C-alpha atoms as a PDB file:
ATOM      1  CA  MET A   1      86.723  81.288 115.067  1.00  0.00           C
ATOM      2  CA  SER A   2      89.757  83.502 115.368  1.00  0.00           C
ATOM      3  CA  ASN A   3      91.712  84.266 112.215  1.00  0.00           C
ATOM      4  CA  GLN A   4      95.458  84.679 111.969  1.00  0.00           C
ATOM      5  CA  ILE A   5      97.156  87.223 109.754  1.00  0.00           C
ATOM      6  CA  ALA A   6     100.891  86.915 109.238  1.00  0.00           C
ATOM      7  CA  GLY A   7     103.546  88.814 107.376  1.00  0.00           C
ATOM      8  CA  TRP A   8     106.533  90.980 108.006  1.00  0.00           C
ATOM      9  CA  ILE A   9     107.407  94.626 108.498  1.00  0.00           C
ATOM     10  CA  MET A  10     110.604  96.608 108.664  1.00  0.00           C
ATOM     11  CA  ASP A  11     111.700  96.507 112.310  1.00  0.00           C
ATOM     12  CA  ARG A  12     111.976 100.310 112.438  1.00  0.00           C
ATOM     13  CA  ASN A  13     108.174 100.409 111.942  1.00  0.00           C
ATOM     14  CA  LEU A  14     107.278  98.085 114.818  1.00  0.00           C
ATOM     15  CA  ARG A  15     106.187 100.754 117.290  1.00  0.00           C
ATOM     16  CA  ALA A  16     104.033 102.590 114.737  1.00  0.00           C
ATOM     17  CA  PHE A  17     102.487  99.266 113.663  1.00  0.00           C
ATOM     18  CA  LEU A  18     101.580  98.362 117.247  1.00  0.00           C
ATOM     19  CA  GLU A  19     100.263 101.841 118.040  1.00  0.00           C
ATOM     20  CA  LEU A  20      97.928 101.857 115.036  1.00  0.00           C
ATOM     21  CA  LEU A  21      96.801  98.262 115.538  1.00  0.00           C
ATOM     22  CA  SER A  22      96.086  99.109 119.181  1.00  0.00           C
ATOM     23  CA  ARG A  23      93.881 102.006 118.127  1.00  0.00           C
ATOM     24  CA  TYR A  24      91.797  99.700 115.972  1.00  0.00           C
ATOM     25  CA  VAL A  25      91.078  97.408 118.929  1.00  0.00           C
ATOM     26  CA  GLY A  26      90.572 100.205 121.466  1.00  0.00           C
ATOM     27  CA  TYR A  27      93.784  99.701 123.415  1.00  0.00           C
ATOM     28  CA  ALA A  28      95.923 102.596 124.684  1.00  0.00           C
ATOM     29  CA  PHE A  29      99.442 101.484 123.703  1.00  0.00           C
ATOM     30  CA  ASP A  30     101.914 103.595 125.683  1.00  0.00           C
ATOM     31  CA  ASP A  31     105.603 103.937 126.543  1.00  0.00           C
ATOM     32  CA  THR A  32     105.409 101.121 129.097  1.00  0.00           C
ATOM     33  CA  ASP A  33     104.003  98.781 126.453  1.00  0.00           C
ATOM     34  CA  TRP A  34     106.743  99.814 124.061  1.00  0.00           C
ATOM     35  CA  ALA A  35     109.512  99.223 126.621  1.00  0.00           C
ATOM     36  CA  THR A  36     108.079  95.759 127.304  1.00  0.00           C
ATOM     37  CA  VAL A  37     107.893  94.874 123.612  1.00  0.00           C
ATOM     38  CA  GLU A  38     111.365  96.269 122.895  1.00  0.00           C
ATOM     39  CA  ASP A  39     112.818  94.078 125.619  1.00  0.00           C
ATOM     40  CA  GLY A  40     110.748  91.071 124.571  1.00  0.00           C
ATOM     41  CA  VAL A  41     111.805  91.040 120.923  1.00  0.00           C
ATOM     42  CA  ARG A  42     115.498  91.650 121.588  1.00  0.00           C
ATOM     43  CA  ASP A  43     116.613  88.001 121.334  1.00  0.00           C
ATOM     44  CA  THR A  44     113.889  86.600 119.080  1.00  0.00           C
ATOM     45  CA  ASP A  45     114.508  84.522 115.974  1.00  0.00           C
ATOM     46  CA  ASP A  46     111.792  83.787 113.411  1.00  0.00           C
ATOM     47  CA  GLU A  47     113.519  80.580 112.310  1.00  0.00           C
ATOM     48  CA  THR A  48     112.981  78.791 115.623  1.00  0.00           C
ATOM     49  CA  SER A  49     109.624  77.716 117.003  1.00  0.00           C
ATOM     50  CA  ASP A  50     110.453  78.954 120.502  1.00  0.00           C
ATOM     51  CA  GLY A  51     112.120  82.125 119.257  1.00  0.00           C
ATOM     52  CA  TRP A  52     108.953  84.229 119.075  1.00  0.00           C
ATOM     53  CA  TYR A  53     107.678  86.833 121.530  1.00  0.00           C
ATOM     54  CA  SER A  54     103.946  87.238 122.124  1.00  0.00           C
ATOM     55  CA  TYR A  55     102.261  90.444 123.268  1.00  0.00           C
ATOM     56  CA  PRO A  56      98.519  90.855 123.954  1.00  0.00           C
ATOM     57  CA  LEU A  57      96.521  93.877 122.862  1.00  0.00           C
ATOM     58  CA  ALA A  58      93.368  93.659 124.973  1.00  0.00           C
ATOM     59  CA  GLY A  59      91.180  96.513 123.828  1.00  0.00           C
ATOM     60  CA  THR A  60      87.574  97.536 124.193  1.00  0.00           C
ATOM     61  CA  HIS A  61      86.717  96.278 120.669  1.00  0.00           C
ATOM     62  CA  ALA A  62      88.858  93.143 120.394  1.00  0.00           C
ATOM     63  CA  THR A  63      91.701  91.197 121.976  1.00  0.00           C
ATOM     64  CA  LEU A  64      94.617  90.327 119.756  1.00  0.00           C
ATOM     65  CA  ASP A  65      97.737  88.292 120.337  1.00  0.00           C
ATOM     66  CA  VAL A  66     100.688  89.679 118.402  1.00  0.00           C
ATOM     67  CA  GLY A  67     103.573  87.278 117.791  1.00  0.00           C
ATOM     68  CA  LEU A  68     106.874  88.928 116.911  1.00  0.00           C
ATOM     69  CA  ALA A  69     110.291  87.641 115.887  1.00  0.00           C
ATOM     70  CA  ARG A  70     113.328  89.162 114.258  1.00  0.00           C
ATOM     71  CA  SER A  71     114.680  87.824 111.021  1.00  0.00           C
ATOM     72  CA  VAL A  72     118.259  87.486 112.211  1.00  0.00           C
ATOM     73  CA  GLY A  73     120.751  89.330 110.065  1.00  0.00           C
ATOM     74  CA  SER A  74     118.202  91.666 108.517  1.00  0.00           C
ATOM     75  CA  GLU A  75     115.996  94.633 109.354  1.00  0.00           C
ATOM     76  CA  VAL A  76     112.815  92.560 109.088  1.00  0.00           C
ATOM     77  CA  MET A  77     110.380  91.699 111.886  1.00  0.00           C
ATOM     78  CA  SER A  78     108.079  88.736 111.314  1.00  0.00           C
ATOM     79  CA  VAL A  79     104.564  89.327 112.639  1.00  0.00           C
ATOM     80  CA  SER A  80     101.638  87.029 113.384  1.00  0.00           C
ATOM     81  CA  VAL A  81      98.351  88.456 114.670  1.00  0.00           C
ATOM     82  CA  THR A  82      95.633  86.179 116.046  1.00  0.00           C
ATOM     83  CA  GLY A  83      92.211  87.144 117.305  1.00  0.00           C
ATOM     84  CA  VAL A  84      91.307  89.103 114.177  1.00  0.00           C
ATOM     85  CA  GLU A  85      87.629  88.224 113.998  1.00  0.00           C
ATOM     86  CA  THR A  86      85.878  90.901 111.952  1.00  0.00           C
ATOM     87  CA  PRO A  87      86.358  91.534 108.235  1.00  0.00           C
ATOM     88  CA  GLU A  88      87.117  95.201 108.964  1.00  0.00           C
ATOM     89  CA  LEU A  89      89.878  94.342 111.456  1.00  0.00           C
ATOM     90  CA  GLN A  90      91.251  91.711 109.070  1.00  0.00           C
ATOM     91  CA  LEU A  91      91.526  94.305 106.312  1.00  0.00           C
ATOM     92  CA  ARG A  92      93.085  96.903 108.601  1.00  0.00           C
ATOM     93  CA  THR A  93      95.628  94.445 109.990  1.00  0.00           C
ATOM     94  CA  ASP A  94      96.599  93.203 106.535  1.00  0.00           C
ATOM     95  CA  THR A  95      96.872  96.779 105.262  1.00  0.00           C
ATOM     96  CA  LEU A  96      99.139  97.764 108.150  1.00  0.00           C
ATOM     97  CA  LEU A  97     101.409  94.804 107.440  1.00  0.00           C
ATOM     98  CA  SER A  98     101.609  95.728 103.759  1.00  0.00           C
ATOM     99  CA  ALA A  99     102.227  99.400 104.454  1.00  0.00           C
ATOM    100  CA  PHE A 100     104.923  98.900 107.077  1.00  0.00           C
ATOM    101  CA  ALA A 101     106.736  96.315 104.965  1.00  0.00           C
ATOM    102  CA  GLY A 102     107.167  98.840 102.187  1.00  0.00           C
ATOM    103  CA  ILE A 103     108.353 101.930 104.039  1.00  0.00           C
END
């Protein structure tokens, strides 16, 4: 069964969050990915059910689905990661969320 880990980060940390998470799953996140995500999250809103953007990270170690939505009027990005199946990846994902929320 696939676990979900949710939280929030400061929106300025989104690229670094995705780059590190991608490394953990064996995915080479690049400038094209970033441009796609940047465009995708532009008009998101975490207070509406259809206001989220989803981006897959299909790596050699795991495949994750990262849901992203802005908290309108703030510098916060809500994040939901599904497909986190191993305890190690769960811990890493949760740690990244905690770290990028605080800096």
